[in-house]
Amino acid sequence: MRTFGSVLKEAARLFVINDPLRMAGATAFFTMFALPPILIILVQVFSIFIDPKTIRIELFRGLAETLGEEAVRLIITVIKGI
């Protein structure tokens, strides 16, 4: 059985190797700059088959469940600015 110290040492080693701060920055960048254009394209493509307003409502509802209401409001603000 491994000791607490060895588990902690291994966790610290993996933390340094995986560089979670860089990954968090990449995730924030993607969410802020890449996601809105992707959402615009999705709405345009699916509006061929379904009412665009319905698509937007369902899409943002799903995003709110995953990302939270505040993040969705920010995404909507970015999309309106494009």
N, C-alpha and C. Protein backbone atom coordinates (compact mmCIF):
# COMPACT_ATOMS: atom_id res chain seq x y z
N MET A 1 0.84 -1.18 0.00
CA MET A 1 0.00 0.00 0.00
C MET A 1 0.89 1.25 0.00
N ARG A 2 0.51 2.21 -0.79
CA ARG A 2 1.31 3.43 -0.92
C ARG A 2 1.04 4.37 0.24
N THR A 3 2.06 5.08 0.61
CA THR A 3 1.91 6.04 1.70
C THR A 3 1.33 7.34 1.16
N PHE A 4 0.82 8.13 2.09
CA PHE A 4 0.24 9.41 1.70
C PHE A 4 1.28 10.29 1.02
N GLY A 5 2.49 10.26 1.52
CA GLY A 5 3.57 11.07 0.95
C GLY A 5 3.87 10.69 -0.48
N SER A 6 3.89 9.38 -0.78
CA SER A 6 4.18 8.96 -2.16
C SER A 6 3.04 9.32 -3.10
N VAL A 7 1.82 9.24 -2.61
CA VAL A 7 0.66 9.64 -3.42
C VAL A 7 0.72 11.14 -3.69
N LEU A 8 1.04 11.92 -2.67
CA LEU A 8 1.13 13.37 -2.83
C LEU A 8 2.26 13.74 -3.80
N LYS A 9 3.39 13.06 -3.68
CA LYS A 9 4.52 13.32 -4.58
C LYS A 9 4.14 12.99 -6.03
N GLU A 10 3.46 11.87 -6.24
CA GLU A 10 3.03 11.49 -7.59
C GLU A 10 2.02 12.49 -8.15
N ALA A 11 1.10 12.96 -7.29
CA ALA A 11 0.11 13.95 -7.72
C ALA A 11 0.80 15.25 -8.14
N ALA A 12 1.80 15.67 -7.38
CA ALA A 12 2.54 16.90 -7.72
C ALA A 12 3.29 16.72 -9.03
N ARG A 13 3.88 15.55 -9.24
CA ARG A 13 4.61 15.27 -10.49
C ARG A 13 3.66 15.34 -11.68
N LEU A 14 2.49 14.72 -11.55
CA LEU A 14 1.51 14.75 -12.64
C LEU A 14 0.98 16.16 -12.88
N PHE A 15 0.83 16.93 -11.81
CA PHE A 15 0.38 18.31 -11.92
C PHE A 15 1.35 19.11 -12.79
N VAL A 16 2.64 18.94 -12.54
CA VAL A 16 3.66 19.67 -13.31
C VAL A 16 3.69 19.20 -14.75
N ILE A 17 3.58 17.89 -14.97
CA ILE A 17 3.64 17.33 -16.33
C ILE A 17 2.45 17.79 -17.17
N ASN A 18 1.26 17.76 -16.59
CA ASN A 18 0.04 18.05 -17.36
C ASN A 18 -0.24 19.53 -17.52
N ASP A 19 0.43 20.38 -16.76
CA ASP A 19 0.30 21.83 -16.88
C ASP A 19 -1.16 22.29 -16.94
N PRO A 20 -1.90 22.10 -15.84
CA PRO A 20 -3.33 22.43 -15.84
C PRO A 20 -3.63 23.91 -16.03
N LEU A 21 -2.71 24.78 -15.63
CA LEU A 21 -2.97 26.21 -15.82
C LEU A 21 -2.98 26.59 -17.30
N ARG A 22 -2.09 25.98 -18.08
CA ARG A 22 -2.09 26.23 -19.53
C ARG A 22 -3.37 25.68 -20.15
N MET A 23 -3.79 24.50 -19.69
CA MET A 23 -5.01 23.90 -20.22
C MET A 23 -6.24 24.74 -19.87
N ALA A 24 -6.25 25.31 -18.67
CA ALA A 24 -7.36 26.18 -18.28
C ALA A 24 -7.39 27.42 -19.16
N GLY A 25 -6.22 27.96 -19.46
CA GLY A 25 -6.15 29.12 -20.36
C GLY A 25 -6.64 28.79 -21.76
N ALA A 26 -6.26 27.61 -22.24
CA ALA A 26 -6.71 27.18 -23.57
C ALA A 26 -8.22 27.00 -23.60
N THR A 27 -8.77 26.45 -22.53
CA THR A 27 -10.22 26.26 -22.46
C THR A 27 -10.94 27.61 -22.45
N ALA A 28 -10.42 28.55 -21.68
CA ALA A 28 -11.03 29.89 -21.62
C ALA A 28 -10.94 30.57 -22.98
N PHE A 29 -9.81 30.44 -23.66
CA PHE A 29 -9.65 31.03 -24.98
C PHE A 29 -10.66 30.44 -25.96
N PHE A 30 -10.78 29.12 -25.97
CA PHE A 30 -11.72 28.46 -26.87
C PHE A 30 -13.13 28.93 -26.60
N THR A 31 -13.51 28.97 -25.33
CA THR A 31 -14.87 29.37 -24.97
C THR A 31 -15.16 30.79 -25.41
N MET A 32 -14.20 31.67 -25.25
CA MET A 32 -14.43 33.08 -25.54
C MET A 32 -14.37 33.41 -27.03
N PHE A 33 -13.43 32.81 -27.76
CA PHE A 33 -13.19 33.24 -29.14
C PHE A 33 -13.61 32.24 -30.21
N ALA A 34 -13.61 30.97 -29.94
CA ALA A 34 -13.93 29.98 -30.97
C ALA A 34 -15.38 29.51 -30.90
N LEU A 35 -15.94 29.44 -29.71
CA LEU A 35 -17.29 28.91 -29.57
C LEU A 35 -18.37 29.77 -30.24
N PRO A 36 -18.38 31.09 -30.08
CA PRO A 36 -19.44 31.88 -30.74
C PRO A 36 -19.53 31.69 -32.26
N PRO A 37 -18.41 31.74 -33.01
CA PRO A 37 -18.55 31.49 -34.46
C PRO A 37 -19.07 30.09 -34.78
N ILE A 38 -18.66 29.11 -33.99
CA ILE A 38 -19.17 27.74 -34.20
C ILE A 38 -20.68 27.71 -33.98
N LEU A 39 -21.15 28.40 -32.95
CA LEU A 39 -22.59 28.44 -32.68
C LEU A 39 -23.35 29.13 -33.81
N ILE A 40 -22.78 30.21 -34.34
CA ILE A 40 -23.42 30.91 -35.46
C ILE A 40 -23.54 29.97 -36.66
N ILE A 41 -22.48 29.25 -36.96
CA ILE A 41 -22.51 28.31 -38.09
C ILE A 41 -23.54 27.22 -37.85
N LEU A 42 -23.59 26.67 -36.64
CA LEU A 42 -24.58 25.63 -36.33
C LEU A 42 -26.01 26.12 -36.52
N VAL A 43 -26.28 27.32 -36.03
CA VAL A 43 -27.63 27.88 -36.18
C VAL A 43 -27.97 28.06 -37.66
N GLN A 44 -27.02 28.56 -38.44
CA GLN A 44 -27.27 28.76 -39.87
C GLN A 44 -27.53 27.44 -40.59
N VAL A 45 -26.75 26.43 -40.28
CA VAL A 45 -26.92 25.13 -40.95
C VAL A 45 -28.25 24.49 -40.57
N PHE A 46 -28.55 24.47 -39.27
CA PHE A 46 -29.78 23.81 -38.83
C PHE A 46 -31.04 24.62 -39.12
N SER A 47 -30.88 25.92 -39.42
CA SER A 47 -32.06 26.73 -39.74
C SER A 47 -32.67 26.33 -41.08
N ILE A 48 -31.96 25.53 -41.84
CA ILE A 48 -32.53 24.98 -43.08
C ILE A 48 -33.69 24.05 -42.75
N PHE A 49 -33.58 23.36 -41.62
CA PHE A 49 -34.55 22.33 -41.24
C PHE A 49 -35.50 22.77 -40.14
N ILE A 50 -35.05 23.65 -39.26
CA ILE A 50 -35.82 24.04 -38.08
C ILE A 50 -35.81 25.57 -37.96
N ASP A 51 -36.83 26.12 -37.33
CA ASP A 51 -36.91 27.56 -37.10
C ASP A 51 -35.68 28.04 -36.32
N PRO A 52 -34.97 29.06 -36.83
CA PRO A 52 -33.74 29.53 -36.16
C PRO A 52 -33.96 29.95 -34.70
N LYS A 53 -35.11 30.54 -34.41
CA LYS A 53 -35.38 30.96 -33.03
C LYS A 53 -35.44 29.74 -32.10
N THR A 54 -36.08 28.67 -32.56
CA THR A 54 -36.15 27.44 -31.77
C THR A 54 -34.77 26.86 -31.55
N ILE A 55 -33.95 26.89 -32.58
CA ILE A 55 -32.58 26.37 -32.47
C ILE A 55 -31.81 27.16 -31.42
N ARG A 56 -31.87 28.48 -31.50
CA ARG A 56 -31.15 29.32 -30.54
C ARG A 56 -31.59 29.06 -29.11
N ILE A 57 -32.90 28.97 -28.91
CA ILE A 57 -33.43 28.73 -27.56
C ILE A 57 -32.91 27.42 -27.00
N GLU A 58 -33.03 26.35 -27.79
CA GLU A 58 -32.59 25.03 -27.32
C GLU A 58 -31.07 24.97 -27.15
N LEU A 59 -30.35 25.58 -28.06
CA LEU A 59 -28.89 25.57 -27.99
C LEU A 59 -28.40 26.28 -26.74
N PHE A 60 -28.93 27.47 -26.48
CA PHE A 60 -28.49 28.22 -25.31
C PHE A 60 -28.99 27.59 -24.01
N ARG A 61 -30.13 26.94 -24.06
CA ARG A 61 -30.61 26.23 -22.87
C ARG A 61 -29.65 25.08 -22.53
N GLY A 62 -29.23 24.34 -23.54
CA GLY A 62 -28.28 23.25 -23.32
C GLY A 62 -26.93 23.76 -22.83
N LEU A 63 -26.47 24.86 -23.41
CA LEU A 63 -25.21 25.44 -22.97
C LEU A 63 -25.30 25.94 -21.53
N ALA A 64 -26.44 26.50 -21.16
CA ALA A 64 -26.62 27.00 -19.79
C ALA A 64 -26.54 25.86 -18.79
N GLU A 65 -27.05 24.69 -19.16
CA GLU A 65 -26.96 23.54 -18.26
C GLU A 65 -25.52 23.09 -18.08
N THR A 66 -24.72 23.24 -19.13
CA THR A 66 -23.33 22.79 -19.08
C THR A 66 -22.39 23.87 -18.53
N LEU A 67 -22.50 25.08 -19.06
CA LEU A 67 -21.55 26.14 -18.73
C LEU A 67 -22.03 27.08 -17.63
N GLY A 68 -23.34 27.16 -17.45
CA GLY A 68 -23.90 28.10 -16.48
C GLY A 68 -24.50 29.31 -17.18
N GLU A 69 -25.42 29.95 -16.49
CA GLU A 69 -26.16 31.09 -17.05
C GLU A 69 -25.23 32.26 -17.39
N GLU A 70 -24.30 32.56 -16.51
CA GLU A 70 -23.41 33.71 -16.73
C GLU A 70 -22.55 33.52 -17.97
N ALA A 71 -22.04 32.32 -18.18
CA ALA A 71 -21.22 32.05 -19.36
C ALA A 71 -22.04 32.19 -20.63
N VAL A 72 -23.28 31.74 -20.60
CA VAL A 72 -24.15 31.85 -21.78
C VAL A 72 -24.47 33.31 -22.07
N ARG A 73 -24.69 34.10 -21.03
CA ARG A 73 -24.93 35.54 -21.26
C ARG A 73 -23.71 36.18 -21.93
N LEU A 74 -22.52 35.79 -21.50
CA LEU A 74 -21.30 36.31 -22.11
C LEU A 74 -21.19 35.89 -23.57
N ILE A 75 -21.50 34.64 -23.86
CA ILE A 75 -21.45 34.14 -25.24
C ILE A 75 -22.46 34.88 -26.11
N ILE A 76 -23.65 35.10 -25.60
CA ILE A 76 -24.68 35.84 -26.35
C ILE A 76 -24.19 37.26 -26.63
N THR A 77 -23.56 37.90 -25.66
CA THR A 77 -23.02 39.25 -25.86
C THR A 77 -21.97 39.26 -26.97
N VAL A 78 -21.10 38.26 -26.97
CA VAL A 78 -20.07 38.17 -28.01
C VAL A 78 -20.71 37.95 -29.37
N ILE A 79 -21.70 37.07 -29.45
CA ILE A 79 -22.37 36.79 -30.73
C ILE A 79 -23.07 38.04 -31.26
N LYS A 80 -23.71 38.79 -30.39
CA LYS A 80 -24.38 40.02 -30.83
C LYS A 80 -23.38 41.04 -31.36
N GLY A 81 -22.15 40.99 -30.87
CA GLY A 81 -21.12 41.93 -31.31
C GLY A 81 -20.49 41.56 -32.64
N ILE A 82 -20.75 40.34 -33.12
CA ILE A 82 -20.14 39.89 -34.39
C ILE A 82 -20.95 40.40 -35.55
